[in-house]
């Protein structure tokens, strides 16, 4: 699956490190750039991340110094630009 990237002002960082949405019940994998509430089997979907890329892009110190909002964890939020 293609990675989601930010615009030119991102200094090369991805907007999202989500690689897929997967169903724990039936094993189906869904494209993360489409909106999904649940799998066709009715199960909630789990978000899969490229955690090695997250670790290379951001440190715990980076997160600590950000404003105390949900966006301090932006690399781990399942949202794009």
N, C-alpha and C. Protein backbone atom coordinates (compact mmCIF):
# COMPACT_ATOMS: atom_id res chain seq x y z
N UNK A 1 0.84 -1.18 0.00
CA UNK A 1 0.00 0.00 0.00
C UNK A 1 0.88 1.23 0.00
N UNK A 2 0.44 2.26 -0.67
CA UNK A 2 1.21 3.49 -0.74
C UNK A 2 1.14 4.23 0.58
N UNK A 3 2.24 4.90 0.91
CA UNK A 3 2.26 5.68 2.13
C UNK A 3 1.61 7.02 1.87
N UNK A 4 1.06 7.61 2.91
CA UNK A 4 0.43 8.91 2.82
C UNK A 4 1.49 9.94 3.17
N UNK A 5 1.64 10.96 2.34
CA UNK A 5 2.66 11.98 2.58
C UNK A 5 2.03 13.35 2.76
N UNK A 6 2.71 14.20 3.50
CA UNK A 6 2.28 15.58 3.66
C UNK A 6 2.70 16.39 2.46
N UNK A 7 2.25 17.62 2.43
CA UNK A 7 2.62 18.55 1.37
C UNK A 7 4.07 18.97 1.49
N UNK A 8 4.48 19.94 0.68
CA UNK A 8 5.88 20.33 0.58
C UNK A 8 6.42 20.95 1.86
N UNK A 9 5.58 21.42 2.76
CA UNK A 9 6.06 22.04 3.99
C UNK A 9 6.36 21.06 5.09
N UNK A 10 6.38 19.78 4.83
CA UNK A 10 6.53 18.78 5.88
C UNK A 10 7.97 18.37 6.14
N UNK A 11 8.91 18.87 5.35
CA UNK A 11 10.32 18.53 5.50
C UNK A 11 10.54 17.03 5.39
N UNK A 12 9.79 16.37 4.52
CA UNK A 12 10.01 14.96 4.25
C UNK A 12 9.31 13.99 5.20
N UNK A 13 8.67 14.49 6.23
CA UNK A 13 7.96 13.58 7.14
C UNK A 13 6.62 13.20 6.56
N UNK A 14 6.20 12.01 6.86
CA UNK A 14 4.89 11.54 6.42
C UNK A 14 3.80 12.19 7.27
N UNK A 15 2.62 12.35 6.69
CA UNK A 15 1.47 12.82 7.45
C UNK A 15 0.93 11.69 8.30
N UNK A 16 1.05 10.48 7.82
CA UNK A 16 0.51 9.33 8.52
C UNK A 16 1.41 8.12 8.31
N UNK A 17 1.57 7.34 9.34
CA UNK A 17 2.36 6.12 9.27
C UNK A 17 1.46 4.89 9.25
N UNK A 18 0.17 5.10 8.97
CA UNK A 18 -0.78 4.00 8.88
C UNK A 18 -0.49 3.21 7.61
N UNK A 19 -0.41 1.89 7.75
CA UNK A 19 -0.16 1.04 6.59
C UNK A 19 -1.41 0.28 6.14
N UNK A 20 -2.31 0.00 7.07
CA UNK A 20 -3.52 -0.75 6.71
C UNK A 20 -4.52 -0.70 7.86
N UNK A 21 -5.74 -1.06 7.55
CA UNK A 21 -6.77 -1.33 8.55
C UNK A 21 -7.06 -2.81 8.43
N UNK A 22 -7.05 -3.51 9.55
CA UNK A 22 -7.25 -4.96 9.47
C UNK A 22 -8.37 -5.39 10.41
N UNK A 23 -9.04 -6.45 10.01
CA UNK A 23 -10.14 -7.00 10.78
C UNK A 23 -9.63 -8.16 11.65
N UNK A 24 -9.80 -8.07 12.96
CA UNK A 24 -9.35 -9.16 13.82
C UNK A 24 -10.24 -10.40 13.72
N UNK A 25 -11.46 -10.24 13.23
CA UNK A 25 -12.38 -11.37 13.13
C UNK A 25 -12.17 -12.20 11.87
N UNK A 26 -12.16 -11.55 10.71
CA UNK A 26 -12.09 -12.32 9.47
C UNK A 26 -10.75 -12.18 8.74
N UNK A 27 -9.89 -11.27 9.21
CA UNK A 27 -8.57 -11.11 8.61
C UNK A 27 -8.53 -10.21 7.39
N UNK A 28 -9.65 -9.63 7.00
CA UNK A 28 -9.67 -8.74 5.83
C UNK A 28 -8.80 -7.52 6.10
N UNK A 29 -8.16 -7.03 5.04
CA UNK A 29 -7.36 -5.81 5.13
C UNK A 29 -8.02 -4.75 4.25
N UNK A 30 -8.06 -3.55 4.77
CA UNK A 30 -8.74 -2.45 4.09
C UNK A 30 -7.76 -1.32 3.83
N UNK A 31 -7.97 -0.60 2.73
CA UNK A 31 -7.15 0.54 2.34
C UNK A 31 -7.38 1.67 3.34
N UNK A 32 -6.34 2.19 3.97
CA UNK A 32 -6.51 3.19 5.02
C UNK A 32 -6.92 4.57 4.54
N UNK A 33 -6.83 4.86 3.26
CA UNK A 33 -7.20 6.19 2.78
C UNK A 33 -8.68 6.30 2.47
N UNK A 34 -9.43 5.23 2.66
CA UNK A 34 -10.88 5.25 2.52
C UNK A 34 -11.49 5.19 3.92
N UNK A 35 -12.63 5.82 4.08
CA UNK A 35 -13.30 5.83 5.38
C UNK A 35 -14.00 4.50 5.62
N UNK A 36 -13.70 3.89 6.76
CA UNK A 36 -14.32 2.62 7.16
C UNK A 36 -14.74 2.75 8.62
N UNK A 37 -15.91 2.31 8.93
CA UNK A 37 -16.34 2.27 10.33
C UNK A 37 -16.08 0.89 10.90
N UNK A 38 -16.57 -0.10 10.20
CA UNK A 38 -16.37 -1.49 10.59
C UNK A 38 -16.12 -2.31 9.34
N UNK A 39 -15.66 -3.52 9.54
CA UNK A 39 -15.48 -4.45 8.43
C UNK A 39 -16.85 -4.92 7.94
N UNK A 40 -16.90 -5.48 6.76
CA UNK A 40 -18.16 -6.00 6.23
C UNK A 40 -18.72 -7.12 7.09
N UNK A 41 -17.85 -7.76 7.91
CA UNK A 41 -18.33 -8.80 8.82
C UNK A 41 -18.88 -8.22 10.12
N UNK A 42 -18.77 -6.89 10.29
CA UNK A 42 -19.33 -6.23 11.47
C UNK A 42 -18.32 -5.92 12.56
N UNK A 43 -17.10 -6.38 12.43
CA UNK A 43 -16.09 -6.17 13.46
C UNK A 43 -15.44 -4.79 13.32
N UNK A 44 -15.09 -4.15 14.44
CA UNK A 44 -14.29 -2.92 14.36
C UNK A 44 -12.93 -3.24 13.74
N UNK A 45 -12.35 -2.26 13.09
CA UNK A 45 -11.06 -2.46 12.43
C UNK A 45 -9.92 -1.99 13.32
N UNK A 46 -8.78 -2.65 13.19
CA UNK A 46 -7.57 -2.27 13.91
C UNK A 46 -6.66 -1.51 12.95
N UNK A 47 -5.99 -0.51 13.47
CA UNK A 47 -5.07 0.29 12.66
C UNK A 47 -3.68 -0.31 12.76
N UNK A 48 -3.04 -0.52 11.61
CA UNK A 48 -1.67 -1.01 11.57
C UNK A 48 -0.76 0.15 11.18
N UNK A 49 0.40 0.24 11.85
CA UNK A 49 1.35 1.33 11.63
C UNK A 49 2.71 0.80 11.22
N UNK A 50 3.49 1.63 10.54
CA UNK A 50 4.89 1.35 10.27
C UNK A 50 5.67 1.91 11.47
N UNK A 51 5.76 1.13 12.54
CA UNK A 51 6.36 1.61 13.78
C UNK A 51 7.85 1.86 13.67
N UNK A 52 8.54 1.14 12.81
CA UNK A 52 9.97 1.41 12.60
C UNK A 52 10.15 2.81 12.00
N UNK A 53 9.29 3.19 11.07
CA UNK A 53 9.38 4.52 10.47
C UNK A 53 9.01 5.60 11.48
N UNK A 54 8.03 5.33 12.35
CA UNK A 54 7.68 6.30 13.40
C UNK A 54 8.87 6.51 14.32
N UNK A 55 9.50 5.42 14.74
CA UNK A 55 10.65 5.51 15.64
C UNK A 55 11.81 6.27 15.01
N UNK A 56 11.96 6.16 13.70
CA UNK A 56 13.03 6.88 13.02
C UNK A 56 12.70 8.37 12.85
N UNK A 57 11.42 8.71 12.84
CA UNK A 57 11.00 10.09 12.56
C UNK A 57 10.80 10.94 13.81
N UNK A 58 10.48 10.33 14.92
CA UNK A 58 10.13 11.10 16.12
C UNK A 58 10.67 10.40 17.36
N UNK A 59 11.11 11.20 18.32
CA UNK A 59 11.62 10.65 19.58
C UNK A 59 10.64 10.94 20.70
N UNK A 60 10.74 10.23 21.81
CA UNK A 60 9.89 10.55 22.95
C UNK A 60 10.05 12.02 23.39
N UNK A 61 11.24 12.54 23.27
CA UNK A 61 11.48 13.94 23.64
C UNK A 61 10.72 14.88 22.72
N UNK A 62 10.66 14.57 21.42
CA UNK A 62 9.87 15.37 20.49
C UNK A 62 8.43 15.46 20.95
N UNK A 63 7.88 14.33 21.33
CA UNK A 63 6.48 14.28 21.77
C UNK A 63 6.29 15.08 23.05
N UNK A 64 7.21 14.96 23.99
CA UNK A 64 7.10 15.66 25.27
C UNK A 64 7.12 17.17 25.11
N UNK A 65 7.83 17.68 24.12
CA UNK A 65 7.95 19.13 23.96
C UNK A 65 6.82 19.76 23.16
N UNK A 66 5.93 18.97 22.63
CA UNK A 66 4.80 19.49 21.87
C UNK A 66 3.69 19.96 22.79
N UNK A 67 2.81 20.77 22.23
CA UNK A 67 1.64 21.25 22.98
C UNK A 67 0.84 20.05 23.50
N UNK A 68 0.27 20.16 24.71
CA UNK A 68 -0.46 19.03 25.31
C UNK A 68 -1.86 18.84 24.74
N UNK A 69 -1.90 18.53 23.46
CA UNK A 69 -3.17 18.22 22.79
C UNK A 69 -3.04 16.85 22.15
N UNK A 70 -4.10 16.36 21.57
CA UNK A 70 -4.02 15.05 20.92
C UNK A 70 -3.03 15.08 19.75
N UNK A 71 -2.77 16.25 19.17
CA UNK A 71 -1.88 16.36 18.02
C UNK A 71 -0.42 16.15 18.38
N UNK A 72 -0.10 16.13 19.67
CA UNK A 72 1.29 15.82 20.04
C UNK A 72 1.65 14.40 19.60
N UNK A 73 0.64 13.56 19.43
CA UNK A 73 0.83 12.17 19.00
C UNK A 73 0.48 11.99 17.52
N UNK A 74 0.62 13.05 16.73
CA UNK A 74 0.13 13.04 15.34
C UNK A 74 0.64 11.88 14.50
N UNK A 75 1.85 11.42 14.73
CA UNK A 75 2.37 10.30 13.94
C UNK A 75 1.61 9.00 14.21
N UNK A 76 0.92 8.94 15.33
CA UNK A 76 0.18 7.72 15.69
C UNK A 76 -1.34 7.90 15.58
N UNK A 77 -1.77 8.97 14.94
CA UNK A 77 -3.19 9.16 14.70
C UNK A 77 -3.52 8.67 13.29
N UNK A 78 -4.62 7.97 13.14
CA UNK A 78 -4.97 7.42 11.82
C UNK A 78 -5.64 8.46 10.92
N UNK A 79 -4.94 9.58 10.71
CA UNK A 79 -5.45 10.65 9.86
C UNK A 79 -4.38 11.08 8.87
N UNK A 80 -4.79 11.60 7.73
CA UNK A 80 -3.86 12.13 6.75
C UNK A 80 -3.82 13.64 6.84
N UNK A 81 -3.45 14.28 5.74
CA UNK A 81 -3.37 15.75 5.71
C UNK A 81 -4.73 16.37 5.92
